[in-house]
N, C-alpha and C. Protein backbone atom coordinates (compact mmCIF):
# COMPACT_ATOMS: atom_id res chain seq x y z
N UNK A 1 53.76 -31.32 -9.40
CA UNK A 1 55.18 -32.06 -8.73
C UNK A 1 56.05 -31.63 -9.89
N UNK A 2 57.31 -32.05 -9.38
CA UNK A 2 58.71 -31.72 -10.10
C UNK A 2 58.89 -32.78 -11.10
N UNK A 3 59.13 -33.00 -11.89
CA UNK A 3 59.49 -34.02 -13.01
C UNK A 3 61.13 -33.81 -13.30
N UNK A 4 61.82 -35.00 -13.37
CA UNK A 4 63.49 -35.07 -14.03
C UNK A 4 63.16 -36.35 -14.81
N UNK A 5 64.27 -36.33 -15.73
CA UNK A 5 64.39 -37.25 -16.68
C UNK A 5 66.20 -37.50 -16.23
N UNK A 6 66.52 -38.64 -16.31
CA UNK A 6 67.87 -38.68 -16.19
C UNK A 6 68.21 -40.02 -17.34
N UNK A 7 69.06 -40.35 -17.69
CA UNK A 7 69.80 -41.50 -19.33
C UNK A 7 71.16 -41.82 -18.56
N UNK A 8 70.78 -43.48 -18.63
CA UNK A 8 71.76 -44.55 -18.35
C UNK A 8 72.62 -44.63 -20.09
N UNK A 9 73.52 -43.82 -20.48
CA UNK A 9 74.18 -43.41 -21.73
C UNK A 9 75.20 -44.38 -21.85
N UNK A 10 74.86 -45.53 -22.84
CA UNK A 10 75.88 -46.31 -23.31
C UNK A 10 76.24 -45.87 -24.40
N UNK A 11 77.72 -45.86 -24.29
CA UNK A 11 78.99 -45.51 -25.77
C UNK A 11 78.84 -46.74 -26.57
N UNK A 12 78.95 -46.23 -28.17
CA UNK A 12 79.72 -47.41 -29.12
C UNK A 12 80.55 -48.69 -28.51
N UNK A 13 81.55 -48.36 -27.46
CA UNK A 13 82.25 -49.19 -27.10
C UNK A 13 81.77 -49.80 -25.83
N UNK A 14 80.47 -49.55 -25.58
CA UNK A 14 79.78 -50.52 -24.45
C UNK A 14 80.52 -49.78 -23.06
N UNK A 15 80.55 -48.58 -22.82
CA UNK A 15 81.12 -48.23 -21.54
C UNK A 15 79.50 -46.98 -20.97
N UNK A 16 79.35 -46.79 -20.09
CA UNK A 16 78.59 -45.77 -19.66
C UNK A 16 79.51 -44.49 -19.20
N UNK A 17 78.06 -43.82 -19.97
CA UNK A 17 78.89 -42.19 -19.66
C UNK A 17 78.17 -41.49 -18.51
N UNK A 18 79.46 -41.07 -17.40
CA UNK A 18 78.74 -40.38 -16.33
C UNK A 18 79.28 -39.12 -16.24
N UNK A 19 78.71 -38.47 -15.48
CA UNK A 19 79.33 -36.68 -15.14
C UNK A 19 79.37 -36.77 -13.79
N UNK A 20 80.49 -35.77 -13.71
CA UNK A 20 81.47 -35.26 -12.32
C UNK A 20 81.23 -34.22 -12.24
N UNK A 21 80.47 -33.88 -10.98
CA UNK A 21 80.64 -32.34 -10.61
C UNK A 21 81.06 -32.06 -9.56
N UNK A 22 81.48 -30.66 -9.58
CA UNK A 22 82.04 -30.20 -8.33
C UNK A 22 81.99 -29.13 -8.21
N UNK A 23 81.43 -28.57 -6.73
CA UNK A 23 80.55 -27.03 -6.62
C UNK A 23 81.23 -26.69 -4.99
N UNK A 24 81.55 -25.66 -4.81
CA UNK A 24 82.54 -24.84 -3.74
C UNK A 24 81.52 -25.79 -2.44
N UNK A 25 82.45 -26.19 -1.47
CA UNK A 25 81.91 -26.51 -0.63
C UNK A 25 80.91 -27.81 -0.14
N UNK A 26 81.17 -28.78 -1.65
CA UNK A 26 80.08 -29.89 -1.61
C UNK A 26 81.08 -30.69 -2.18
N UNK A 27 81.17 -32.13 -1.52
CA UNK A 27 82.47 -33.29 -2.12
C UNK A 27 81.40 -33.66 -3.16
N UNK A 28 82.99 -34.01 -4.13
CA UNK A 28 82.54 -34.02 -5.43
C UNK A 28 81.90 -35.26 -5.64
N UNK A 29 80.80 -35.49 -6.64
CA UNK A 29 79.75 -36.23 -6.64
C UNK A 29 79.51 -36.56 -8.28
N UNK A 30 79.00 -37.70 -8.63
CA UNK A 30 78.72 -38.12 -10.18
C UNK A 30 77.15 -38.16 -10.32
N UNK A 31 76.99 -37.55 -11.52
CA UNK A 31 75.41 -38.06 -11.75
C UNK A 31 75.64 -38.66 -13.23
N UNK A 32 74.40 -38.96 -13.39
CA UNK A 32 73.37 -39.76 -15.29
C UNK A 32 72.90 -37.89 -15.94
N UNK A 33 73.38 -37.91 -17.23
CA UNK A 33 73.16 -36.66 -17.76
C UNK A 33 71.88 -36.67 -17.15
N UNK A 34 70.87 -35.41 -17.34
CA UNK A 34 69.55 -35.20 -17.35
C UNK A 34 69.17 -33.74 -16.08
N UNK A 35 67.68 -34.15 -15.90
CA UNK A 35 67.58 -32.56 -15.36
C UNK A 35 65.51 -32.65 -15.76
N UNK A 36 65.86 -31.60 -15.66
CA UNK A 36 63.92 -30.88 -15.17
C UNK A 36 63.70 -31.20 -16.63
N UNK A 37 62.05 -31.63 -16.35
CA UNK A 37 61.36 -31.80 -18.00
C UNK A 37 60.65 -29.63 -17.38
N UNK A 38 60.87 -29.01 -18.62
CA UNK A 38 60.22 -27.97 -18.66
C UNK A 38 58.89 -27.91 -19.56
N UNK A 39 58.23 -26.71 -19.00
CA UNK A 39 56.38 -26.56 -19.95
C UNK A 39 56.93 -26.84 -21.95
N UNK A 40 57.70 -26.25 -21.96
CA UNK A 40 58.44 -26.05 -23.39
C UNK A 40 58.42 -27.65 -23.99
N UNK A 41 58.82 -28.26 -23.14
CA UNK A 41 59.20 -30.06 -23.34
C UNK A 41 57.72 -30.48 -23.87
N UNK A 42 57.87 -30.80 -25.57
CA UNK A 42 56.73 -31.38 -26.12
C UNK A 42 56.40 -33.28 -24.79
N UNK A 43 57.52 -33.81 -25.12
CA UNK A 43 58.12 -35.05 -23.97
C UNK A 43 58.60 -34.89 -22.67
N UNK A 44 58.74 -36.14 -22.44
CA UNK A 44 59.79 -36.52 -21.28
C UNK A 44 61.09 -36.81 -22.15
N UNK A 45 60.79 -37.30 -23.26
CA UNK A 45 62.01 -37.88 -23.92
C UNK A 45 62.53 -36.84 -24.72
N UNK A 46 61.47 -35.78 -24.94
CA UNK A 46 62.38 -34.09 -25.78
C UNK A 46 63.04 -33.25 -24.56
N UNK A 47 62.53 -33.58 -23.66
CA UNK A 47 62.98 -33.29 -21.91
C UNK A 47 64.82 -33.87 -22.21
N UNK A 48 64.32 -35.49 -22.03
CA UNK A 48 65.32 -35.82 -21.85
C UNK A 48 67.11 -35.52 -23.40
N UNK A 49 66.33 -35.29 -24.34
CA UNK A 49 67.19 -35.01 -25.62
C UNK A 49 67.63 -33.84 -25.19
N UNK A 50 66.98 -32.55 -24.90
CA UNK A 50 67.18 -31.11 -25.00
C UNK A 50 68.53 -31.40 -23.41
N UNK A 51 68.42 -31.73 -22.45
CA UNK A 51 69.50 -32.20 -21.19
C UNK A 51 70.43 -32.66 -21.84
N UNK A 52 70.41 -33.50 -22.56
CA UNK A 52 72.01 -34.40 -22.97
C UNK A 52 72.77 -33.53 -23.85
N UNK A 53 71.62 -32.52 -24.90
CA UNK A 53 72.44 -31.77 -25.62
C UNK A 53 72.86 -30.52 -24.64
N UNK A 54 72.36 -30.46 -23.73
CA UNK A 54 72.84 -29.02 -22.92
C UNK A 54 73.68 -29.93 -22.07
N UNK A 55 73.83 -30.69 -21.57
CA UNK A 55 75.14 -30.88 -20.69
C UNK A 55 76.63 -31.68 -21.17
N UNK A 56 75.93 -32.13 -22.63
CA UNK A 56 77.29 -32.78 -23.33
C UNK A 56 77.37 -32.70 -24.61
N UNK A 57 76.71 -31.48 -24.98
CA UNK A 57 76.49 -31.41 -26.48
C UNK A 57 76.25 -32.84 -27.16
N UNK A 58 75.63 -33.32 -26.91
CA UNK A 58 75.30 -35.24 -27.27
C UNK A 58 73.73 -34.97 -28.06
N UNK A 59 73.88 -36.34 -28.89
CA UNK A 59 72.57 -36.97 -29.48
C UNK A 59 72.88 -38.25 -29.09
N UNK A 60 71.19 -38.90 -28.55
CA UNK A 60 71.59 -40.02 -28.27
C UNK A 60 70.31 -40.97 -28.89
N UNK A 61 70.13 -42.11 -28.90
CA UNK A 61 68.56 -42.98 -29.11
C UNK A 61 68.45 -43.36 -27.89
N UNK A 62 66.90 -42.66 -27.79
CA UNK A 62 66.47 -43.39 -26.52
C UNK A 62 65.82 -44.84 -27.00
N UNK A 63 66.23 -45.73 -25.97
CA UNK A 63 65.72 -47.43 -25.97
C UNK A 63 64.50 -47.32 -25.50
N UNK A 64 64.47 -47.11 -23.94
CA UNK A 64 63.43 -47.02 -23.29
C UNK A 64 63.48 -46.77 -22.02
N UNK A 65 62.32 -46.73 -21.01
CA UNK A 65 62.00 -46.12 -19.68
C UNK A 65 62.48 -47.70 -18.69
N UNK A 66 63.27 -47.24 -18.16
CA UNK A 66 63.59 -48.03 -17.08
C UNK A 66 63.05 -48.50 -15.77
N UNK A 67 63.03 -46.97 -15.25
CA UNK A 67 62.87 -47.01 -14.05
C UNK A 67 62.14 -46.32 -13.61
N UNK A 68 61.17 -46.08 -12.69
CA UNK A 68 60.73 -44.51 -12.44
C UNK A 68 61.10 -44.66 -10.68
N UNK A 69 61.24 -43.39 -9.87
CA UNK A 69 61.51 -43.19 -8.88
C UNK A 69 60.50 -41.99 -8.22
N UNK A 70 59.65 -42.01 -7.11
CA UNK A 70 59.07 -40.71 -6.79
C UNK A 70 59.03 -40.76 -5.55
N UNK A 71 58.69 -39.56 -4.77
CA UNK A 71 59.01 -39.04 -3.73
C UNK A 71 57.31 -37.82 -3.60
N UNK A 72 57.47 -37.26 -2.35
CA UNK A 72 56.22 -36.55 -2.30
C UNK A 72 55.63 -35.74 -3.01
N UNK A 73 57.13 -35.07 -3.69
CA UNK A 73 56.82 -33.80 -4.55
C UNK A 73 57.96 -33.92 -5.96
N UNK A 74 58.29 -35.32 -5.84
CA UNK A 74 59.08 -35.57 -7.10
C UNK A 74 59.34 -36.89 -7.87
N UNK A 75 59.24 -36.38 -8.98
CA UNK A 75 59.43 -37.91 -10.14
C UNK A 75 60.51 -37.74 -11.06
N UNK A 76 60.89 -38.93 -10.73
CA UNK A 76 62.62 -39.12 -11.59
C UNK A 76 61.94 -40.57 -12.41
N UNK A 77 62.62 -40.17 -13.67
CA UNK A 77 62.49 -41.49 -14.85
C UNK A 77 63.84 -41.71 -15.66
N UNK A 78 64.31 -42.73 -14.87
CA UNK A 78 65.44 -43.04 -15.90
C UNK A 78 65.25 -43.96 -16.73
N UNK A 79 66.11 -43.74 -18.30
CA UNK A 79 66.06 -44.29 -19.38
C UNK A 79 67.61 -44.85 -19.55
N UNK A 80 67.40 -45.59 -20.47
CA UNK A 80 68.50 -46.54 -21.52
C UNK A 80 68.35 -45.96 -22.83
N UNK A 81 70.09 -45.47 -22.90
CA UNK A 81 69.70 -44.77 -24.14
C UNK A 81 71.08 -45.00 -24.59
N UNK A 82 71.32 -44.84 -26.05
CA UNK A 82 72.82 -44.79 -26.88
C UNK A 82 73.16 -43.57 -26.98
N UNK A 83 74.04 -43.73 -26.74
CA UNK A 83 74.92 -42.07 -26.56
C UNK A 83 75.69 -42.09 -28.19
N UNK A 84 75.59 -41.21 -29.13
CA UNK A 84 75.98 -41.32 -30.48
C UNK A 84 76.77 -40.36 -30.82
N UNK A 85 77.19 -39.39 -30.31
CA UNK A 85 77.87 -38.07 -30.21
C UNK A 85 77.83 -37.08 -29.24
N UNK A 86 79.05 -36.67 -28.66
CA UNK A 86 79.10 -36.16 -27.88
C UNK A 86 80.40 -35.27 -27.78
N UNK A 87 80.06 -34.01 -27.13
CA UNK A 87 81.71 -32.81 -27.03
C UNK A 87 81.29 -32.05 -26.07
N UNK A 88 82.65 -32.23 -25.36
CA UNK A 88 82.57 -31.67 -24.00
C UNK A 88 82.79 -30.00 -24.00
N UNK A 89 83.30 -29.61 -25.52
CA UNK A 89 83.74 -28.83 -25.37
C UNK A 89 82.52 -27.25 -25.85
N UNK A 90 81.24 -28.17 -26.05
CA UNK A 90 80.20 -27.22 -27.41
C UNK A 90 78.96 -27.49 -26.14
N UNK A 91 78.98 -27.68 -24.90
CA UNK A 91 78.52 -27.50 -24.17
C UNK A 91 77.35 -26.19 -23.68
N UNK A 92 75.98 -26.74 -23.99
CA UNK A 92 75.44 -25.31 -23.53
C UNK A 92 74.51 -24.74 -22.59
N UNK A 93 74.42 -25.83 -21.78
CA UNK A 93 73.68 -25.74 -20.44
C UNK A 93 74.14 -24.48 -19.28
N UNK A 94 73.17 -24.13 -18.30
CA UNK A 94 73.28 -22.78 -17.58
C UNK A 94 74.30 -23.41 -16.69
N UNK A 95 75.01 -24.43 -16.26
CA UNK A 95 75.94 -24.70 -15.86
C UNK A 95 77.47 -24.05 -15.79
N UNK A 96 77.35 -24.06 -17.56
CA UNK A 96 78.59 -23.78 -18.00
C UNK A 96 78.76 -22.32 -18.36
N UNK A 97 77.77 -21.58 -18.18
CA UNK A 97 77.74 -20.32 -18.65
C UNK A 97 78.40 -19.28 -17.43
N UNK A 98 78.95 -18.12 -17.85
CA UNK A 98 79.82 -17.06 -17.00
C UNK A 98 79.07 -17.17 -15.05
N UNK A 99 77.68 -17.18 -15.27
CA UNK A 99 76.91 -17.37 -14.16
C UNK A 99 77.64 -18.43 -13.30
N UNK A 100 77.19 -19.60 -14.09
CA UNK A 100 77.74 -21.24 -13.22
C UNK A 100 78.82 -21.42 -13.32
N UNK A 101 79.70 -20.79 -13.88
CA UNK A 101 81.45 -21.27 -13.97
C UNK A 101 81.86 -21.50 -12.70
N UNK A 102 81.32 -21.28 -11.30
CA UNK A 102 81.75 -21.81 -10.20
C UNK A 102 81.55 -23.36 -9.60
N UNK A 103 80.60 -23.85 -10.69
CA UNK A 103 80.57 -25.32 -10.80
C UNK A 103 80.97 -25.95 -11.85
N UNK A 104 81.96 -27.09 -11.54
CA UNK A 104 82.50 -27.84 -12.59
C UNK A 104 82.07 -29.08 -12.93
N UNK A 105 82.34 -28.92 -14.08
CA UNK A 105 81.71 -30.41 -14.91
C UNK A 105 82.58 -31.47 -15.24
N UNK A 106 82.72 -32.51 -15.51
CA UNK A 106 83.89 -33.20 -16.42
C UNK A 106 82.90 -34.36 -16.57
N UNK A 107 83.38 -35.34 -16.83
CA UNK A 107 82.68 -36.98 -17.64
C UNK A 107 83.67 -38.02 -17.07
N UNK A 108 82.80 -38.83 -17.45
CA UNK A 108 83.83 -40.41 -17.54
C UNK A 108 83.18 -41.71 -17.80
N UNK A 109 83.77 -42.03 -18.58
CA UNK A 109 82.85 -43.59 -18.94
C UNK A 109 83.33 -44.74 -18.11
N UNK A 110 82.78 -45.32 -18.05
CA UNK A 110 82.69 -46.09 -16.68
C UNK A 110 82.16 -47.85 -17.41
N UNK A 111 82.70 -49.11 -16.79
CA UNK A 111 82.49 -50.10 -17.31
C UNK A 111 81.81 -50.75 -15.98
């Protein structure tokens, strides 16, 4: 079963940080930061920290698991976290490499 982790990231001014994705041929959409748990991740929380670092070069304090959603072949775990720092200029995820440049990602804080 594929496992994915997602973060509901609350900022210091009590807004929520989400990511806007644009890809050729697909309407723009918004996602919570996160992604797949990899074999090298010691825990799901470690996977979430890695994904937050890759996607927004951020550091967050994970507060707790809020919800788990399962289908036949996938489990998604949604965590509440407080984002302490982030920098969109310093992202390192594969979607920001030259090969992944066709996909654009930006962010938004929402109340």
